[in-house]
Amino acid sequence: MVPDRLDTLPRHRRALIAAIDWPRLADPEARRLRELGFDEGVRVEVLHRASIGGGPIACRIGRMTVALRRAVAASIHVAPLAG
């Protein structure tokens, strides 16, 4: 099964981070993701998308809610969890 990207994951569907395309991200963005705990095997859930097409995506990682730019979310590959 090919993983989805975080920017296309349906709202309120939990997933595991399968991979992050680190070279696609600028150094400050990659550093921020690592500091926030984004890494392979971590659970993530999309909570909200901005109503304007290119706006940020709010997601839950652990007990935190984090807003990500769509371009950053597109570099995070996820595997949806069953149920």
PDB file of N, CA and C in Angstrom:
ATOM      1  N   MET A   1       0.838  -1.190   0.000  1.00  0.00           N
ATOM      2  CA  MET A   1       0.000   0.000   0.000  1.00  0.00           C
ATOM      3  C   MET A   1       0.878   1.246   0.000  1.00  0.00           C
ATOM      4  N   VAL A   2       0.598   2.160  -0.903  1.00  0.00           N
ATOM      5  CA  VAL A   2       1.356   3.401  -0.996  1.00  0.00           C
ATOM      6  C   VAL A   2       0.834   4.369   0.058  1.00  0.00           C
ATOM      7  N   PRO A   3       1.712   4.942   0.875  1.00  0.00           N
ATOM      8  CA  PRO A   3       1.231   5.878   1.895  1.00  0.00           C
ATOM      9  C   PRO A   3       0.634   7.140   1.282  1.00  0.00           C
ATOM     10  N   ASP A   4      -0.305   7.728   2.003  1.00  0.00           N
ATOM     11  CA  ASP A   4      -0.877   9.011   1.622  1.00  0.00           C
ATOM     12  C   ASP A   4       0.032  10.115   2.152  1.00  0.00           C
ATOM     13  N   ARG A   5      -0.296  11.336   1.764  1.00  0.00           N
ATOM     14  CA  ARG A   5       0.413  12.484   2.335  1.00  0.00           C
ATOM     15  C   ARG A   5      -0.484  13.113   3.390  1.00  0.00           C
ATOM     16  N   LEU A   6       0.124  13.746   4.355  1.00  0.00           N
ATOM     17  CA  LEU A   6      -0.630  14.370   5.433  1.00  0.00           C
ATOM     18  C   LEU A   6      -1.586  15.435   4.905  1.00  0.00           C
ATOM     19  N   ASP A   7      -1.203  16.136   3.854  1.00  0.00           N
ATOM     20  CA  ASP A   7      -2.079  17.189   3.329  1.00  0.00           C
ATOM     21  C   ASP A   7      -3.331  16.638   2.662  1.00  0.00           C
ATOM     22  N   THR A   8      -3.373  15.328   2.354  1.00  0.00           N
ATOM     23  CA  THR A   8      -4.562  14.730   1.736  1.00  0.00           C
ATOM     24  C   THR A   8      -5.305  13.791   2.684  1.00  0.00           C
ATOM     25  N   LEU A   9      -4.800  13.608   3.872  1.00  0.00           N
ATOM     26  CA  LEU A   9      -5.449  12.725   4.844  1.00  0.00           C
ATOM     27  C   LEU A   9      -6.789  13.338   5.258  1.00  0.00           C
ATOM     28  N   PRO A  10      -7.868  12.560   5.237  1.00  0.00           N
ATOM     29  CA  PRO A  10      -9.174  13.103   5.658  1.00  0.00           C
ATOM     30  C   PRO A  10      -9.150  13.559   7.122  1.00  0.00           C
ATOM     31  N   ARG A  11      -9.977  14.554   7.415  1.00  0.00           N
ATOM     32  CA  ARG A  11     -10.069  15.058   8.788  1.00  0.00           C
ATOM     33  C   ARG A  11     -10.489  13.943   9.731  1.00  0.00           C
ATOM     34  N   HIS A  12      -9.928  13.982  10.917  1.00  0.00           N
ATOM     35  CA  HIS A  12     -10.241  13.072  12.020  1.00  0.00           C
ATOM     36  C   HIS A  12      -9.889  11.616  11.736  1.00  0.00           C
ATOM     37  N   ARG A  13      -9.068  11.360  10.747  1.00  0.00           N
ATOM     38  CA  ARG A  13      -8.569  10.011  10.494  1.00  0.00           C
ATOM     39  C   ARG A  13      -7.146   9.941  11.048  1.00  0.00           C
ATOM     40  N   ARG A  14      -6.924   9.015  11.943  1.00  0.00           N
ATOM     41  CA  ARG A  14      -5.593   8.856  12.532  1.00  0.00           C
ATOM     42  C   ARG A  14      -4.695   8.061  11.598  1.00  0.00           C
ATOM     43  N   ALA A  15      -3.419   8.390  11.656  1.00  0.00           N
ATOM     44  CA  ALA A  15      -2.447   7.730  10.790  1.00  0.00           C
ATOM     45  C   ALA A  15      -1.099   7.681  11.494  1.00  0.00           C
ATOM     46  N   LEU A  16      -0.221   6.859  10.953  1.00  0.00           N
ATOM     47  CA  LEU A  16       1.168   6.816  11.405  1.00  0.00           C
ATOM     48  C   LEU A  16       2.020   7.516  10.367  1.00  0.00           C
ATOM     49  N   ILE A  17       2.992   8.256  10.817  1.00  0.00           N
ATOM     50  CA  ILE A  17       3.926   8.867   9.876  1.00  0.00           C
ATOM     51  C   ILE A  17       4.800   7.749   9.319  1.00  0.00           C
ATOM     52  N   ALA A  18       4.720   7.546   8.002  1.00  0.00           N
ATOM     53  CA  ALA A  18       5.486   6.488   7.343  1.00  0.00           C
ATOM     54  C   ALA A  18       6.862   6.989   6.924  1.00  0.00           C
ATOM     55  N   ALA A  19       6.934   8.234   6.492  1.00  0.00           N
ATOM     56  CA  ALA A  19       8.201   8.817   6.039  1.00  0.00           C
ATOM     57  C   ALA A  19       8.045  10.325   5.954  1.00  0.00           C
ATOM     58  N   ILE A  20       9.154  11.002   6.067  1.00  0.00           N
ATOM     59  CA  ILE A  20       9.183  12.455   5.877  1.00  0.00           C
ATOM     60  C   ILE A  20      10.253  12.742   4.836  1.00  0.00           C
ATOM     61  N   ASP A  21       9.891  13.509   3.837  1.00  0.00           N
ATOM     62  CA  ASP A  21      10.817  13.860   2.764  1.00  0.00           C
ATOM     63  C   ASP A  21      11.669  15.049   3.235  1.00  0.00           C
ATOM     64  N   TRP A  22      12.644  14.743   4.097  1.00  0.00           N
ATOM     65  CA  TRP A  22      13.470  15.795   4.713  1.00  0.00           C
ATOM     66  C   TRP A  22      14.167  16.692   3.688  1.00  0.00           C
ATOM     67  N   PRO A  23      14.725  16.158   2.590  1.00  0.00           N
ATOM     68  CA  PRO A  23      15.413  17.041   1.630  1.00  0.00           C
ATOM     69  C   PRO A  23      14.485  18.073   0.981  1.00  0.00           C
ATOM     70  N   ARG A  24      13.191  17.796   0.954  1.00  0.00           N
ATOM     71  CA  ARG A  24      12.226  18.726   0.360  1.00  0.00           C
ATOM     72  C   ARG A  24      11.990  19.952   1.245  1.00  0.00           C
ATOM     73  N   LEU A  25      12.333  19.855   2.525  1.00  0.00           N
ATOM     74  CA  LEU A  25      12.073  20.925   3.487  1.00  0.00           C
ATOM     75  C   LEU A  25      13.291  21.820   3.674  1.00  0.00           C
ATOM     76  N   ALA A  26      13.032  23.090   3.915  1.00  0.00           N
ATOM     77  CA  ALA A  26      14.110  24.007   4.283  1.00  0.00           C
ATOM     78  C   ALA A  26      14.611  23.620   5.673  1.00  0.00           C
ATOM     79  N   ASP A  27      15.853  23.913   5.971  1.00  0.00           N
ATOM     80  CA  ASP A  27      16.445  23.534   7.261  1.00  0.00           C
ATOM     81  C   ASP A  27      15.625  23.996   8.466  1.00  0.00           C
ATOM     82  N   PRO A  28      15.141  25.254   8.503  1.00  0.00           N
ATOM     83  CA  PRO A  28      14.340  25.661   9.664  1.00  0.00           C
ATOM     84  C   PRO A  28      13.044  24.867   9.811  1.00  0.00           C
ATOM     85  N   GLU A  29      12.416  24.525   8.671  1.00  0.00           N
ATOM     86  CA  GLU A  29      11.182  23.734   8.731  1.00  0.00           C
ATOM     87  C   GLU A  29      11.461  22.329   9.247  1.00  0.00           C
ATOM     88  N   ALA A  30      12.515  21.708   8.748  1.00  0.00           N
ATOM     89  CA  ALA A  30      12.875  20.360   9.188  1.00  0.00           C
ATOM     90  C   ALA A  30      13.224  20.353  10.674  1.00  0.00           C
ATOM     91  N   ARG A  31      13.975  21.343  11.108  1.00  0.00           N
ATOM     92  CA  ARG A  31      14.348  21.440  12.523  1.00  0.00           C
ATOM     93  C   ARG A  31      13.101  21.601  13.399  1.00  0.00           C
ATOM     94  N   ARG A  32      12.167  22.430  12.965  1.00  0.00           N
ATOM     95  CA  ARG A  32      10.939  22.640  13.733  1.00  0.00           C
ATOM     96  C   ARG A  32      10.128  21.347  13.840  1.00  0.00           C
ATOM     97  N   LEU A  33      10.001  20.629  12.725  1.00  0.00           N
ATOM     98  CA  LEU A  33       9.257  19.369  12.762  1.00  0.00           C
ATOM     99  C   LEU A  33       9.900  18.387  13.745  1.00  0.00           C
ATOM    100  N   ARG A  34      11.212  18.280  13.692  1.00  0.00           N
ATOM    101  CA  ARG A  34      11.907  17.367  14.613  1.00  0.00           C
ATOM    102  C   ARG A  34      11.694  17.790  16.061  1.00  0.00           C
ATOM    103  N   GLU A  35      11.778  19.090  16.325  1.00  0.00           N
ATOM    104  CA  GLU A  35      11.583  19.589  17.694  1.00  0.00           C
ATOM    105  C   GLU A  35      10.172  19.314  18.196  1.00  0.00           C
ATOM    106  N   LEU A  36       9.200  19.312  17.287  1.00  0.00           N
ATOM    107  CA  LEU A  36       7.809  19.055  17.667  1.00  0.00           C
ATOM    108  C   LEU A  36       7.488  17.570  17.777  1.00  0.00           C
ATOM    109  N   GLY A  37       8.439  16.724  17.398  1.00  0.00           N
ATOM    110  CA  GLY A  37       8.242  15.284  17.541  1.00  0.00           C
ATOM    111  C   GLY A  37       7.809  14.561  16.290  1.00  0.00           C
ATOM    112  N   PHE A  38       7.830  15.224  15.144  1.00  0.00           N
ATOM    113  CA  PHE A  38       7.464  14.558  13.902  1.00  0.00           C
ATOM    114  C   PHE A  38       8.592  13.619  13.495  1.00  0.00           C
ATOM    115  N   ASP A  39       8.262  12.330  13.367  1.00  0.00           N
ATOM    116  CA  ASP A  39       9.229  11.317  12.965  1.00  0.00           C
ATOM    117  C   ASP A  39       8.469  10.068  12.537  1.00  0.00           C
ATOM    118  N   GLU A  40       9.133   9.157  11.877  1.00  0.00           N
ATOM    119  CA  GLU A  40       8.498   7.920  11.438  1.00  0.00           C
ATOM    120  C   GLU A  40       7.944   7.148  12.631  1.00  0.00           C
ATOM    121  N   GLY A  41       6.749   6.584  12.446  1.00  0.00           N
ATOM    122  CA  GLY A  41       6.124   5.775  13.483  1.00  0.00           C
ATOM    123  C   GLY A  41       5.275   6.546  14.476  1.00  0.00           C
ATOM    124  N   VAL A  42       5.252   7.873  14.377  1.00  0.00           N
ATOM    125  CA  VAL A  42       4.480   8.712  15.298  1.00  0.00           C
ATOM    126  C   VAL A  42       3.046   8.844  14.771  1.00  0.00           C
ATOM    127  N   ARG A  43       2.074   8.821  15.682  1.00  0.00           N
ATOM    128  CA  ARG A  43       0.666   8.991  15.289  1.00  0.00           C
ATOM    129  C   ARG A  43       0.353  10.466  15.052  1.00  0.00           C
ATOM    130  N   VAL A  44      -0.473  10.696  14.047  1.00  0.00           N
ATOM    131  CA  VAL A  44      -0.868  12.046  13.682  1.00  0.00           C
ATOM    132  C   VAL A  44      -2.320  12.012  13.225  1.00  0.00           C
ATOM    133  N   GLU A  45      -3.009  13.138  13.391  1.00  0.00           N
ATOM    134  CA  GLU A  45      -4.407  13.244  12.981  1.00  0.00           C
ATOM    135  C   GLU A  45      -4.665  14.660  12.481  1.00  0.00           C
ATOM    136  N   VAL A  46      -5.309  14.790  11.324  1.00  0.00           N
ATOM    137  CA  VAL A  46      -5.685  16.106  10.810  1.00  0.00           C
ATOM    138  C   VAL A  46      -6.961  16.540  11.522  1.00  0.00           C
ATOM    139  N   LEU A  47      -6.926  17.709  12.148  1.00  0.00           N
ATOM    140  CA  LEU A  47      -8.075  18.228  12.878  1.00  0.00           C
ATOM    141  C   LEU A  47      -8.877  19.240  12.071  1.00  0.00           C
ATOM    142  N   HIS A  48      -8.169  20.072  11.294  1.00  0.00           N
ATOM    143  CA  HIS A  48      -8.855  21.166  10.601  1.00  0.00           C
ATOM    144  C   HIS A  48      -8.006  21.627   9.427  1.00  0.00           C
ATOM    145  N   ARG A  49      -8.693  22.054   8.382  1.00  0.00           N
ATOM    146  CA  ARG A  49      -8.035  22.688   7.231  1.00  0.00           C
ATOM    147  C   ARG A  49      -8.621  24.077   7.073  1.00  0.00           C
ATOM    148  N   ALA A  50      -7.786  25.034   6.728  1.00  0.00           N
ATOM    149  CA  ALA A  50      -8.272  26.381   6.462  1.00  0.00           C
ATOM    150  C   ALA A  50      -9.239  26.325   5.296  1.00  0.00           C
ATOM    151  N   SER A  51     -10.290  27.117   5.360  1.00  0.00           N
ATOM    152  CA  SER A  51     -11.301  27.097   4.296  1.00  0.00           C
ATOM    153  C   SER A  51     -10.757  27.632   2.974  1.00  0.00           C
ATOM    154  N   ILE A  52      -9.742  28.449   3.033  1.00  0.00           N
ATOM    155  CA  ILE A  52      -9.091  28.943   1.824  1.00  0.00           C
ATOM    156  C   ILE A  52      -8.098  27.874   1.379  1.00  0.00           C
ATOM    157  N   GLY A  53      -8.138  27.482   0.115  1.00  0.00           N
ATOM    158  CA  GLY A  53      -7.397  26.349  -0.422  1.00  0.00           C
ATOM    159  C   GLY A  53      -5.959  26.161   0.013  1.00  0.00           C
ATOM    160  N   GLY A  54      -5.173  27.204   0.090  1.00  0.00           N
ATOM    161  CA  GLY A  54      -3.758  27.036   0.408  1.00  0.00           C
ATOM    162  C   GLY A  54      -3.410  27.305   1.846  1.00  0.00           C
ATOM    163  N   GLY A  55      -4.415  27.413   2.712  1.00  0.00           N
ATOM    164  CA  GLY A  55      -4.169  27.743   4.113  1.00  0.00           C
ATOM    165  C   GLY A  55      -3.576  26.595   4.894  1.00  0.00           C
ATOM    166  N   PRO A  56      -3.257  26.836   6.148  1.00  0.00           N
ATOM    167  CA  PRO A  56      -2.604  25.822   6.975  1.00  0.00           C
ATOM    168  C   PRO A  56      -3.529  24.668   7.360  1.00  0.00           C
ATOM    169  N   ILE A  57      -2.901  23.612   7.824  1.00  0.00           N
ATOM    170  CA  ILE A  57      -3.585  22.419   8.307  1.00  0.00           C
ATOM    171  C   ILE A  57      -3.251  22.267   9.786  1.00  0.00           C
ATOM    172  N   ALA A  58      -4.275  22.113  10.615  1.00  0.00           N
ATOM    173  CA  ALA A  58      -4.067  21.862  12.043  1.00  0.00           C
ATOM    174  C   ALA A  58      -4.081  20.359  12.255  1.00  0.00           C
ATOM    175  N   CYS A  59      -3.060  19.854  12.921  1.00  0.00           N
ATOM    176  CA  CYS A  59      -3.021  18.419  13.177  1.00  0.00           C
ATOM    177  C   CYS A  59      -2.613  18.171  14.622  1.00  0.00           C
ATOM    178  N   ARG A  60      -2.980  16.994  15.087  1.00  0.00           N
ATOM    179  CA  ARG A  60      -2.625  16.579  16.442  1.00  0.00           C
ATOM    180  C   ARG A  60      -1.485  15.584  16.343  1.00  0.00           C
ATOM    181  N   ILE A  61      -0.469  15.835  17.132  1.00  0.00           N
ATOM    182  CA  ILE A  61       0.641  14.901  17.276  1.00  0.00           C
ATOM    183  C   ILE A  61       0.869  14.771  18.772  1.00  0.00           C
ATOM    184  N   GLY A  62       0.693  13.588  19.278  1.00  0.00           N
ATOM    185  CA  GLY A  62       0.730  13.411  20.728  1.00  0.00           C
ATOM    186  C   GLY A  62      -0.425  14.174  21.344  1.00  0.00           C
ATOM    187  N   ARG A  63      -0.121  15.032  22.308  1.00  0.00           N
ATOM    188  CA  ARG A  63      -1.156  15.853  22.948  1.00  0.00           C
ATOM    189  C   ARG A  63      -1.137  17.289  22.455  1.00  0.00           C
ATOM    190  N   MET A  64      -0.331  17.571  21.423  1.00  0.00           N
ATOM    191  CA  MET A  64      -0.205  18.923  20.881  1.00  0.00           C
ATOM    192  C   MET A  64      -1.039  19.096  19.626  1.00  0.00           C
ATOM    193  N   THR A  65      -1.490  20.318  19.408  1.00  0.00           N
ATOM    194  CA  THR A  65      -2.104  20.701  18.143  1.00  0.00           C
ATOM    195  C   THR A  65      -1.116  21.634  17.456  1.00  0.00           C
ATOM    196  N   VAL A  66      -0.775  21.295  16.220  1.00  0.00           N
ATOM    197  CA  VAL A  66       0.249  22.015  15.477  1.00  0.00           C
ATOM    198  C   VAL A  66      -0.324  22.450  14.137  1.00  0.00           C
ATOM    199  N   ALA A  67      -0.065  23.684  13.734  1.00  0.00           N
ATOM    200  CA  ALA A  67      -0.462  24.171  12.414  1.00  0.00           C
ATOM    201  C   ALA A  67       0.727  24.042  11.470  1.00  0.00           C
ATOM    202  N   LEU A  68       0.473  23.437  10.312  1.00  0.00           N
ATOM    203  CA  LEU A  68       1.514  23.258   9.303  1.00  0.00           C
ATOM    204  C   LEU A  68       1.084  23.890   7.993  1.00  0.00           C
ATOM    205  N   ARG A  69       2.042  24.490   7.307  1.00  0.00           N
ATOM    206  CA  ARG A  69       1.769  24.937   5.943  1.00  0.00           C
ATOM    207  C   ARG A  69       1.498  23.713   5.085  1.00  0.00           C
ATOM    208  N   ARG A  70       0.668  23.865   4.083  1.00  0.00           N
ATOM    209  CA  ARG A  70       0.325  22.712   3.224  1.00  0.00           C
ATOM    210  C   ARG A  70       1.545  22.123   2.542  1.00  0.00           C
ATOM    211  N   ALA A  71       2.488  22.946   2.141  1.00  0.00           N
ATOM    212  CA  ALA A  71       3.692  22.428   1.483  1.00  0.00           C
ATOM    213  C   ALA A  71       4.491  21.540   2.436  1.00  0.00           C
ATOM    214  N   VAL A  72       4.517  21.903   3.702  1.00  0.00           N
ATOM    215  CA  VAL A  72       5.217  21.086   4.699  1.00  0.00           C
ATOM    216  C   VAL A  72       4.443  19.788   4.915  1.00  0.00           C
ATOM    217  N   ALA A  73       3.116  19.877   5.053  1.00  0.00           N
ATOM    218  CA  ALA A  73       2.296  18.683   5.249  1.00  0.00           C
ATOM    219  C   ALA A  73       2.420  17.734   4.055  1.00  0.00           C
ATOM    220  N   ALA A  74       2.638  18.267   2.865  1.00  0.00           N
ATOM    221  CA  ALA A  74       2.774  17.425   1.673  1.00  0.00           C
ATOM    222  C   ALA A  74       4.065  16.616   1.696  1.00  0.00           C
ATOM    223  N   SER A  75       5.021  17.006   2.491  1.00  0.00           N
ATOM    224  CA  SER A  75       6.283  16.262   2.579  1.00  0.00           C
ATOM    225  C   SER A  75       6.225  15.142   3.624  1.00  0.00           C
ATOM    226  N   ILE A  76       5.090  15.029   4.321  1.00  0.00           N
ATOM    227  CA  ILE A  76       4.926  14.001   5.357  1.00  0.00           C
ATOM    228  C   ILE A  76       4.023  12.904   4.795  1.00  0.00           C
ATOM    229  N   HIS A  77       4.558  11.705   4.671  1.00  0.00           N
ATOM    230  CA  HIS A  77       3.823  10.560   4.136  1.00  0.00           C
ATOM    231  C   HIS A  77       3.276   9.759   5.307  1.00  0.00           C
ATOM    232  N   VAL A  78       1.998   9.395   5.217  1.00  0.00           N
ATOM    233  CA  VAL A  78       1.328   8.716   6.318  1.00  0.00           C
ATOM    234  C   VAL A  78       0.669   7.421   5.853  1.00  0.00           C
ATOM    235  N   ALA A  79       0.493   6.519   6.795  1.00  0.00           N
ATOM    236  CA  ALA A  79      -0.235   5.276   6.567  1.00  0.00           C
ATOM    237  C   ALA A  79      -1.433   5.291   7.514  1.00  0.00           C
ATOM    238  N   PRO A  80      -2.668   5.396   6.980  1.00  0.00           N
ATOM    239  CA  PRO A  80      -3.849   5.450   7.835  1.00  0.00           C
ATOM    240  C   PRO A  80      -3.950   4.225   8.742  1.00  0.00           C
ATOM    241  N   LEU A  81      -4.396   4.463   9.968  1.00  0.00           N
ATOM    242  CA  LEU A  81      -4.633   3.378  10.923  1.00  0.00           C
ATOM    243  C   LEU A  81      -6.017   2.800  10.710  1.00  0.00           C
ATOM    244  N   ALA A  82      -6.169   1.519  10.889  1.00  0.00           N
ATOM    245  CA  ALA A  82      -7.479   0.893  10.768  1.00  0.00           C
ATOM    246  C   ALA A  82      -8.358   1.339  11.913  1.00  0.00           C
ATOM    247  N   GLY A  83      -9.647   1.537  11.627  1.00  0.00           N
ATOM    248  CA  GLY A  83     -10.607   1.898  12.676  1.00  0.00           C
ATOM    249  C   GLY A  83     -10.505   3.304  13.005  1.00  0.00           C
TER     250      GLY A  83
END
